[in-house]
Amino acid sequence: MKQFPLPIVRLLPKAKPQVIRHGFPWVFANELVMDRRTKGLSHGGLVVLEDADRRPLGLGTINPKSKIAVRMLDFDPEAEIDETWFAAKLTRALQHREALYDAPFYRLVHAEADGLPGVIIDRFGDVAVIQPNAAYAERMIEPLVAALVAVTGVTTVIKNGTGRARSLEGLEEEMVVVHGDEPTGPVPVQMNGATYMADVMGGQKTGLFFDQRPNHAFAAQLAKGGSILDVFSHVGGFSLAALANGAMSAIAVDGSAAALELAEAGAKASGVADKFETRKGDAFDVLEALGKDGETFDVVVCDPPAFAPSKATAEKGLRAYERVARLAAPLVKEGGYLVLCSCSHAADLKRFRDASARGIGRGGRRSQLVYTGQAGPDHPLLPQLAESGYLKALAFRL
């Protein structure tokens, strides 16, 4: 029997090793022999995973305190996880993005789908924002950052250690520049003909949502020559793209004054400030007020935060999506379009589509579904991991 220098963890007999062999990247705690030795292993340390018959399945990282006990890193149990290993993963990821985009503004690493479990990296030109949402990535942040700088040539790397995923891993929150100098202000990002302002140090997530890029472009087509209402707008994702591509007017609605200030700066930088208006307030309240005023638009887009971030919140979240559709549907002109989005992986496409259709019906409208979108190709899916396909965008003609 071959001896490995790393600790060995073993699947229970009931577990299915073929799932791992076929590419599934996680081992749950209830699939693992959790004896005292395994429970005492270092949080985020490297381990060799074996099946119940002691045959090696590969190299992973362990977190005995997490439901996801092991994340697979390499199917070679003798792989060395160092700067060279990270550089190979990043080079492969970069080649894909450079084939897609002319400018360096994209998601560079989309966690498991790019072979770096729990790691998100968004690139904003010479600035990269990394989210190390798994314990091993936090522990190995130095070689990861060194590889990122060497492969991409970015001059600033920001570690965004915030969010629910880190808390589930038992990691502390932290926002810090780990390489280079802190940006002096928002980073301008060119996308779909518009200029967006990304607050990489204080905005939501990494500062901008690259995942909606193709859905922004589709909605912009629908709004050409017309009006658009962009609800839960963040920094003006849908509205600025629409104005840059021929929409005549846009209203962006968000509860964050800071986000709307960035949206206004983006509108100015895009040369469309005279057609752009913002409204700060609770989205549901604004939708109800616009309905009472009899306002209508050629295109209405609602892109809310994750109402169903977990299975436990799925039903409540679906009711919220239904309510959004019910309130938004009456605001769409006859023959106009309603675009509804969900970033909740716990609410799958069918359930989200059904909730949206119910809401449209309850809003007194009939509809035809004309478009189903997902995240852009810089957010690849791991076929074995349904959770990597979280984003849904539905366009209905009413």
Protein backbone atom coordinates (compact mmCIF):
# COMPACT_ATOMS: atom_id res chain seq x y z
CA MET A 1 0.00 0.00 0.00
CA LYS A 2 1.46 3.35 -1.05
CA GLN A 3 2.29 5.73 1.77
CA PHE A 4 1.38 9.42 1.48
CA PRO A 5 3.00 12.21 3.50
CA LEU A 6 -0.38 13.89 4.06
CA PRO A 7 -3.11 12.75 6.46
CA ILE A 8 -5.57 10.26 4.99
CA VAL A 9 -9.33 10.55 5.31
CA ARG A 10 -11.66 7.81 4.23
CA LEU A 11 -15.16 7.51 2.84
CA LEU A 12 -17.75 5.49 4.69
CA PRO A 13 -18.79 2.23 3.00
CA LYS A 14 -22.21 3.77 2.21
CA ALA A 15 -20.61 6.66 0.26
CA LYS A 16 -20.29 6.47 -3.51
CA PRO A 17 -16.65 6.92 -4.60
CA GLN A 18 -17.63 6.91 -8.29
CA VAL A 19 -19.27 10.30 -7.74
CA ILE A 20 -15.88 11.72 -6.81
CA ARG A 21 -14.15 9.87 -9.65
CA HIS A 22 -16.65 11.40 -12.09
CA GLY A 23 -15.82 14.92 -10.98
CA PHE A 24 -18.07 15.87 -8.06
CA PRO A 25 -15.88 18.21 -5.98
CA TRP A 26 -17.31 17.84 -2.47
CA VAL A 27 -17.45 15.22 0.27
CA PHE A 28 -20.03 15.89 2.95
CA ALA A 29 -19.31 15.25 6.62
CA ASN A 30 -21.87 12.44 6.80
CA GLU A 31 -20.01 10.57 4.03
CA LEU A 32 -16.68 10.55 5.84
CA VAL A 33 -15.21 8.46 8.64
CA MET A 34 -15.25 11.20 11.29
CA ASP A 35 -13.16 9.62 14.00
CA ARG A 36 -11.24 11.61 16.60
CA ARG A 37 -8.17 11.85 14.36
CA THR A 38 -10.16 13.23 11.43
CA LYS A 39 -12.05 15.68 13.63
CA GLY A 40 -8.72 16.92 14.94
CA LEU A 41 -7.22 17.68 11.54
CA SER A 42 -6.14 21.21 10.80
CA HIS A 43 -8.89 23.51 9.51
CA GLY A 44 -8.11 24.00 5.80
CA GLY A 45 -5.28 21.47 5.77
CA LEU A 46 -4.49 19.13 2.89
CA VAL A 47 -5.52 15.47 2.96
CA VAL A 48 -5.56 12.41 0.72
CA LEU A 49 -9.06 11.03 0.22
CA GLU A 50 -9.51 7.28 0.00
CA ASP A 51 -12.57 5.14 -0.64
CA ALA A 52 -13.74 2.57 1.89
CA ASP A 53 -11.38 0.00 0.33
CA ARG A 54 -8.39 2.31 0.90
CA ARG A 55 -7.96 3.20 -2.78
CA PRO A 56 -6.85 6.83 -3.23
CA LEU A 57 -9.33 9.17 -4.92
CA GLY A 58 -7.23 12.31 -4.94
CA LEU A 59 -6.02 15.23 -2.88
CA GLY A 60 -8.36 17.56 -1.08
CA THR A 61 -8.65 20.06 1.71
CA ILE A 62 -10.51 19.36 4.91
CA ASN A 63 -12.71 21.42 7.21
CA PRO A 64 -14.02 19.12 9.96
CA LYS A 65 -16.38 21.86 11.18
CA SER A 66 -18.14 22.34 7.85
CA LYS A 67 -20.95 20.35 6.24
CA ILE A 68 -18.67 20.21 3.20
CA ALA A 69 -15.91 18.30 4.97
CA VAL A 70 -13.60 17.80 1.98
CA ARG A 71 -13.18 19.88 -1.17
CA MET A 72 -11.29 18.10 -3.94
CA LEU A 73 -8.31 19.97 -5.32
CA ASP A 74 -6.53 17.44 -7.54
CA PHE A 75 -7.20 13.87 -8.62
CA ASP A 76 -3.48 13.17 -8.29
CA PRO A 77 -3.00 12.31 -4.59
CA GLU A 78 0.67 13.28 -4.92
CA ALA A 79 0.02 16.75 -6.35
CA GLU A 80 1.87 19.62 -4.68
CA ILE A 81 -0.38 22.57 -3.94
CA ASP A 82 1.92 25.56 -4.29
CA GLU A 83 2.33 28.71 -6.35
CA THR A 84 3.09 26.68 -9.48
CA TRP A 85 -0.10 24.67 -9.02
CA PHE A 86 -2.17 27.83 -8.56
CA ALA A 87 -0.49 29.41 -11.61
CA ALA A 88 -1.51 26.47 -13.80
CA LYS A 89 -5.16 26.81 -12.73
CA LEU A 90 -5.10 30.59 -13.26
CA THR A 91 -3.44 30.30 -16.68
CA ARG A 92 -6.13 27.91 -17.85
CA ALA A 93 -8.83 30.26 -16.53
CA LEU A 94 -7.22 33.30 -18.14
CA GLN A 95 -6.97 31.64 -21.55
CA HIS A 96 -10.74 31.13 -21.56
CA ARG A 97 -11.52 34.74 -20.59
CA GLU A 98 -9.08 36.19 -23.12
CA ALA A 99 -10.85 34.19 -25.82
CA LEU A 100 -14.14 35.83 -24.80
CA TYR A 101 -13.34 39.47 -24.05
CA ASP A 102 -11.24 42.21 -25.62
CA ALA A 103 -10.77 44.06 -22.33
CA PRO A 104 -9.67 42.65 -18.94
CA PHE A 105 -12.99 43.02 -17.13
CA TYR A 106 -14.50 39.67 -16.18
CA ARG A 107 -14.79 36.92 -13.60
CA LEU A 108 -11.41 35.24 -13.82
CA VAL A 109 -12.09 32.36 -11.44
CA HIS A 110 -15.51 30.89 -10.71
CA ALA A 111 -14.68 28.56 -7.84
CA GLU A 112 -15.14 24.82 -8.39
CA ALA A 113 -15.89 25.23 -12.11
CA ASP A 114 -12.37 26.65 -12.60
CA GLY A 115 -10.71 24.07 -10.38
CA LEU A 116 -10.29 26.36 -7.35
CA PRO A 117 -13.01 25.37 -4.87
CA GLY A 118 -14.40 28.24 -2.85
CA VAL A 119 -12.34 30.88 -4.67
CA ILE A 120 -13.87 33.79 -6.59
CA ILE A 121 -11.66 36.24 -8.49
CA ASP A 122 -13.08 39.20 -10.42
CA ARG A 123 -10.78 41.29 -12.58
CA PHE A 124 -11.13 45.03 -13.09
CA GLY A 125 -8.24 45.86 -15.42
CA ASP A 126 -5.12 46.14 -13.26
CA VAL A 127 -7.15 45.43 -10.10
CA ALA A 128 -8.26 41.97 -8.98
CA VAL A 129 -10.64 41.21 -6.13
CA ILE A 130 -10.32 37.78 -4.59
CA GLN A 131 -12.85 36.11 -2.31
CA PRO A 132 -11.21 33.17 -0.48
CA ASN A 133 -14.39 31.51 0.76
CA ALA A 134 -12.78 28.19 1.73
CA ALA A 135 -10.41 27.64 4.62
CA TYR A 136 -7.54 26.28 2.48
CA ALA A 137 -7.62 29.39 0.26
CA GLU A 138 -7.41 31.62 3.31
CA ARG A 139 -4.43 29.64 4.58
CA MET A 140 -2.72 29.67 1.18
CA ILE A 141 -3.53 33.24 0.23
CA GLU A 142 0.15 34.18 -0.27
CA PRO A 143 1.01 31.64 -3.02
CA LEU A 144 -2.43 32.21 -4.58
CA VAL A 145 -1.90 35.97 -4.78
CA ALA A 146 1.68 35.55 -6.02
CA ALA A 147 0.45 33.28 -8.81
CA LEU A 148 -2.36 35.71 -9.67
CA VAL A 149 0.07 38.60 -10.04
CA ALA A 150 2.53 36.52 -12.07
CA VAL A 151 -0.09 35.14 -14.48
CA THR A 152 -2.21 38.26 -15.06
CA GLY A 153 0.13 41.17 -14.34
CA VAL A 154 -2.43 42.93 -12.12
CA THR A 155 -0.88 45.58 -9.90
CA THR A 156 -3.45 45.57 -7.08
CA VAL A 157 -5.08 42.59 -5.37
CA ILE A 158 -7.85 43.11 -2.81
CA LYS A 159 -8.98 40.34 -0.49
CA ASN A 160 -12.72 40.62 0.06
CA GLY A 161 -13.23 38.38 3.05
CA THR A 162 -16.91 39.08 3.60
CA GLY A 163 -20.13 37.18 3.03
CA ARG A 164 -22.20 34.22 4.12
CA ALA A 165 -19.93 31.60 2.53
CA ARG A 166 -17.00 32.54 4.78
CA SER A 167 -19.11 32.38 7.92
CA LEU A 168 -20.16 28.83 6.97
CA GLU A 169 -16.46 27.94 6.77
CA GLY A 170 -15.77 29.49 10.17
CA LEU A 171 -13.69 32.30 8.66
CA GLU A 172 -13.54 35.87 9.93
CA GLU A 173 -14.59 38.87 7.85
CA GLU A 174 -11.83 41.06 6.47
CA MET A 175 -11.38 43.56 3.63
CA VAL A 176 -7.73 44.30 2.91
CA VAL A 177 -5.33 45.11 0.07
CA VAL A 178 -2.92 42.15 -0.11
CA HIS A 179 -0.83 43.41 -3.04
CA GLY A 180 -0.19 46.89 -4.43
CA ASP A 181 -1.98 50.09 -3.49
CA GLU A 182 -5.60 50.66 -2.55
CA PRO A 183 -7.58 52.26 -5.40
CA THR A 184 -8.28 55.94 -4.82
CA GLY A 185 -11.85 55.68 -6.05
CA PRO A 186 -14.29 53.53 -8.05
CA VAL A 187 -12.84 51.63 -11.00
CA PRO A 188 -14.50 52.43 -14.37
CA VAL A 189 -15.57 49.30 -16.24
CA GLN A 190 -16.55 49.23 -19.91
CA MET A 191 -19.30 46.71 -20.60
CA ASN A 192 -22.06 46.51 -23.24
CA GLY A 193 -21.21 50.01 -24.43
CA ALA A 194 -21.75 51.56 -21.01
CA THR A 195 -19.31 52.67 -18.32
CA TYR A 196 -19.95 51.28 -14.85
CA MET A 197 -18.34 52.40 -11.62
CA ALA A 198 -17.16 49.50 -9.46
CA ASP A 199 -16.51 50.19 -5.78
CA VAL A 200 -14.03 47.36 -5.26
CA MET A 201 -13.42 48.21 -1.60
CA GLY A 202 -16.90 48.93 -0.31
CA GLY A 203 -19.53 47.77 -2.81
CA GLN A 204 -21.65 44.63 -2.91
CA LYS A 205 -19.71 41.40 -3.51
CA THR A 206 -16.60 42.36 -5.50
CA GLY A 207 -18.05 45.70 -6.65
CA LEU A 208 -19.82 44.73 -9.88
CA PHE A 209 -21.92 41.85 -11.18
CA PHE A 210 -20.23 40.54 -14.31
CA ASP A 211 -22.59 37.54 -14.40
CA GLN A 212 -25.50 39.56 -15.83
CA ARG A 213 -23.55 40.85 -18.85
CA PRO A 214 -25.43 38.81 -21.54
CA ASN A 215 -28.78 39.49 -19.88
CA HIS A 216 -28.01 43.23 -19.75
CA ALA A 217 -27.35 43.07 -23.49
CA PHE A 218 -30.61 41.24 -24.23
CA ALA A 219 -32.73 43.63 -22.16
CA ALA A 220 -30.98 46.56 -23.86
CA GLN A 221 -32.24 45.26 -27.21
CA LEU A 222 -35.80 45.21 -25.89
CA ALA A 223 -35.56 48.77 -24.57
CA LYS A 224 -34.14 50.37 -27.72
CA GLY A 225 -36.10 53.54 -28.45
CA GLY A 226 -38.19 53.15 -25.32
CA SER A 227 -38.23 53.49 -21.54
CA ILE A 228 -36.83 51.12 -18.93
CA LEU A 229 -37.44 50.74 -15.19
CA ASP A 230 -34.47 49.03 -13.48
CA VAL A 231 -35.50 47.79 -10.02
CA PHE A 232 -32.89 46.53 -7.53
CA SER A 233 -30.53 48.31 -9.91
CA HIS A 234 -27.31 48.29 -7.84
CA VAL A 235 -24.94 50.48 -9.92
CA GLY A 236 -27.33 50.63 -12.90
CA GLY A 237 -26.59 47.29 -14.55
CA PHE A 238 -29.61 47.02 -16.84
CA SER A 239 -30.47 50.70 -17.18
CA LEU A 240 -27.02 51.94 -18.22
CA ALA A 241 -26.67 49.17 -20.81
CA ALA A 242 -30.10 50.06 -22.19
CA LEU A 243 -29.29 53.78 -22.44
CA ALA A 244 -25.95 53.02 -24.10
CA ASN A 245 -27.79 51.01 -26.73
CA GLY A 246 -30.59 53.39 -27.66
CA ALA A 247 -33.15 53.53 -24.84
CA MET A 248 -34.68 56.99 -24.48
CA SER A 249 -35.10 57.07 -20.70
CA ALA A 250 -34.30 55.01 -17.62
CA ILE A 251 -35.17 55.01 -13.94
CA ALA A 252 -32.95 53.06 -11.54
CA VAL A 253 -34.42 52.01 -8.19
CA ASP A 254 -32.35 50.78 -5.25
CA GLY A 255 -32.31 50.94 -1.49
CA SER A 256 -28.65 51.95 -1.36
CA ALA A 257 -27.79 55.62 -1.79
CA ALA A 258 -24.14 54.68 -2.37
CA ALA A 259 -25.05 52.32 -5.21
CA LEU A 260 -27.25 54.96 -6.85
CA GLU A 261 -24.45 57.51 -6.61
CA LEU A 262 -22.23 55.08 -8.50
CA ALA A 263 -25.01 54.57 -11.04
CA GLU A 264 -25.28 58.33 -11.57
CA ALA A 265 -21.50 58.56 -12.00
CA GLY A 266 -21.71 55.76 -14.54
CA ALA A 267 -24.48 57.52 -16.43
CA LYS A 268 -22.36 60.68 -16.56
CA ALA A 269 -19.30 58.74 -17.73
CA SER A 270 -21.45 57.03 -20.38
CA GLY A 271 -22.79 60.37 -21.65
CA VAL A 272 -26.42 59.52 -20.85
CA ALA A 273 -26.99 61.46 -17.61
CA ASP A 274 -29.77 63.55 -19.19
CA LYS A 275 -31.84 60.39 -19.77
CA PHE A 276 -31.15 58.80 -16.41
CA GLU A 277 -33.06 59.13 -13.13
CA THR A 278 -32.71 57.39 -9.77
CA ARG A 279 -35.12 56.65 -6.96
CA LYS A 280 -33.95 55.52 -3.55
CA GLY A 281 -36.34 53.37 -1.58
CA ASP A 282 -37.61 49.91 -0.77
CA ALA A 283 -38.23 48.22 -4.11
CA PHE A 284 -41.62 46.84 -3.13
CA ASP A 285 -42.78 50.26 -1.92
CA VAL A 286 -41.57 51.95 -5.11
CA LEU A 287 -43.27 49.35 -7.31
CA GLU A 288 -46.55 49.83 -5.43
CA ALA A 289 -46.28 53.63 -5.66
CA LEU A 290 -45.59 53.55 -9.41
CA GLY A 291 -48.59 51.27 -9.87
CA LYS A 292 -50.87 53.63 -7.97
CA ASP A 293 -49.61 56.50 -10.13
CA GLY A 294 -50.43 54.56 -13.29
CA GLU A 295 -46.83 54.67 -14.57
CA THR A 296 -45.85 52.30 -17.38
CA PHE A 297 -42.62 51.44 -19.17
CA ASP A 298 -41.57 49.58 -22.29
CA VAL A 299 -39.29 47.35 -20.24
CA VAL A 300 -39.31 46.62 -16.51
CA VAL A 301 -36.41 44.70 -14.99
CA CYS A 302 -36.32 43.30 -11.46
CA ASP A 303 -32.99 41.84 -10.35
CA PRO A 304 -33.31 41.34 -6.58
CA PRO A 305 -30.79 39.87 -4.15
CA ALA A 306 -31.02 36.18 -3.32
CA PHE A 307 -34.43 35.77 -1.68
CA ALA A 308 -33.79 32.01 -1.31
CA PRO A 309 -30.13 31.56 -0.33
CA SER A 310 -30.73 28.11 1.18
CA LYS A 311 -33.20 25.23 1.00
CA ALA A 312 -34.69 26.38 4.31
CA THR A 313 -35.61 29.75 2.81
CA ALA A 314 -36.73 28.47 -0.61
CA GLU A 315 -40.51 28.68 -0.10
CA LYS A 316 -40.37 32.12 1.49
CA GLY A 317 -38.05 33.28 -1.27
CA LEU A 318 -40.32 31.99 -4.04
CA ARG A 319 -43.24 33.91 -2.51
CA ALA A 320 -41.10 37.04 -2.63
CA TYR A 321 -40.27 36.46 -6.31
CA GLU A 322 -43.97 35.98 -7.00
CA ARG A 323 -44.74 39.27 -5.25
CA VAL A 324 -42.11 41.08 -7.33
CA ALA A 325 -43.73 39.78 -10.53
CA ARG A 326 -47.23 40.71 -9.33
CA LEU A 327 -46.24 44.29 -8.56
CA ALA A 328 -44.09 44.76 -11.65
CA ALA A 329 -46.43 43.28 -14.27
CA PRO A 330 -48.95 46.18 -14.26
CA LEU A 331 -46.09 48.64 -14.92
CA VAL A 332 -45.32 47.11 -18.32
CA LYS A 333 -46.91 48.67 -21.39
CA GLU A 334 -49.07 46.50 -23.63
CA GLY A 335 -46.64 44.50 -25.77
CA GLY A 336 -43.74 45.46 -23.51
CA TYR A 337 -41.36 43.23 -21.60
CA LEU A 338 -40.83 42.16 -18.01
CA VAL A 339 -37.40 40.77 -17.14
CA LEU A 340 -37.22 38.88 -13.85
CA CYS A 341 -34.00 37.55 -12.33
CA SER A 342 -33.00 35.24 -9.50
CA CYS A 343 -29.53 34.51 -8.12
CA SER A 344 -30.87 31.93 -5.63
CA HIS A 345 -29.51 28.46 -6.34
CA ALA A 346 -32.05 27.01 -3.88
CA ALA A 347 -34.86 28.13 -6.21
CA ASP A 348 -34.26 26.17 -9.40
CA LEU A 349 -35.26 27.38 -12.85
CA LYS A 350 -38.64 25.63 -12.95
CA ARG A 351 -39.75 26.84 -9.53
CA PHE A 352 -38.60 30.37 -10.26
CA ARG A 353 -40.34 30.35 -13.64
CA ASP A 354 -43.55 29.05 -12.07
CA ALA A 355 -43.45 31.69 -9.30
CA SER A 356 -42.85 34.42 -11.87
CA ALA A 357 -45.74 33.23 -14.05
CA ARG A 358 -48.08 33.09 -11.04
CA GLY A 359 -47.11 36.62 -10.08
CA ILE A 360 -47.70 37.94 -13.59
CA GLY A 361 -51.11 36.28 -13.62
CA ARG A 362 -51.97 37.72 -10.22
CA GLY A 363 -50.91 41.10 -11.57
CA GLY A 364 -53.70 40.82 -14.14
CA ARG A 365 -51.50 40.16 -17.17
CA ARG A 366 -50.96 37.38 -19.68
CA SER A 367 -47.48 36.57 -20.87
CA GLN A 368 -45.28 34.66 -23.25
CA LEU A 369 -41.76 33.64 -22.22
CA VAL A 370 -39.35 34.89 -24.88
CA TYR A 371 -35.93 34.46 -23.28
CA THR A 372 -34.23 32.36 -20.62
CA GLY A 373 -30.77 33.54 -19.63
CA GLN A 374 -28.04 32.50 -17.26
CA ALA A 375 -24.67 33.82 -16.15
CA GLY A 376 -22.16 34.71 -18.84
CA PRO A 377 -19.46 32.31 -20.05
CA ASP A 378 -16.93 33.79 -17.63
CA HIS A 379 -19.08 32.06 -14.98
CA PRO A 380 -18.73 28.46 -16.21
CA LEU A 381 -20.81 25.65 -14.76
CA LEU A 382 -19.41 22.48 -13.28
CA PRO A 383 -21.87 19.94 -14.72
CA GLN A 384 -21.67 17.77 -11.60
CA LEU A 385 -22.47 20.70 -9.29
CA ALA A 386 -25.92 22.19 -9.77
CA GLU A 387 -25.11 24.99 -7.31
CA SER A 388 -22.71 26.55 -9.83
CA GLY A 389 -25.70 27.39 -12.08
CA TYR A 390 -27.35 29.86 -9.72
CA LEU A 391 -28.41 32.75 -12.01
CA LYS A 392 -31.70 32.77 -13.92
CA ALA A 393 -33.07 35.58 -16.09
CA LEU A 394 -36.51 35.35 -17.68
CA ALA A 395 -37.92 37.82 -20.20
CA PHE A 396 -41.73 37.81 -20.64
CA ARG A 397 -43.69 39.74 -23.24
CA LEU A 398 -46.93 40.92 -21.67
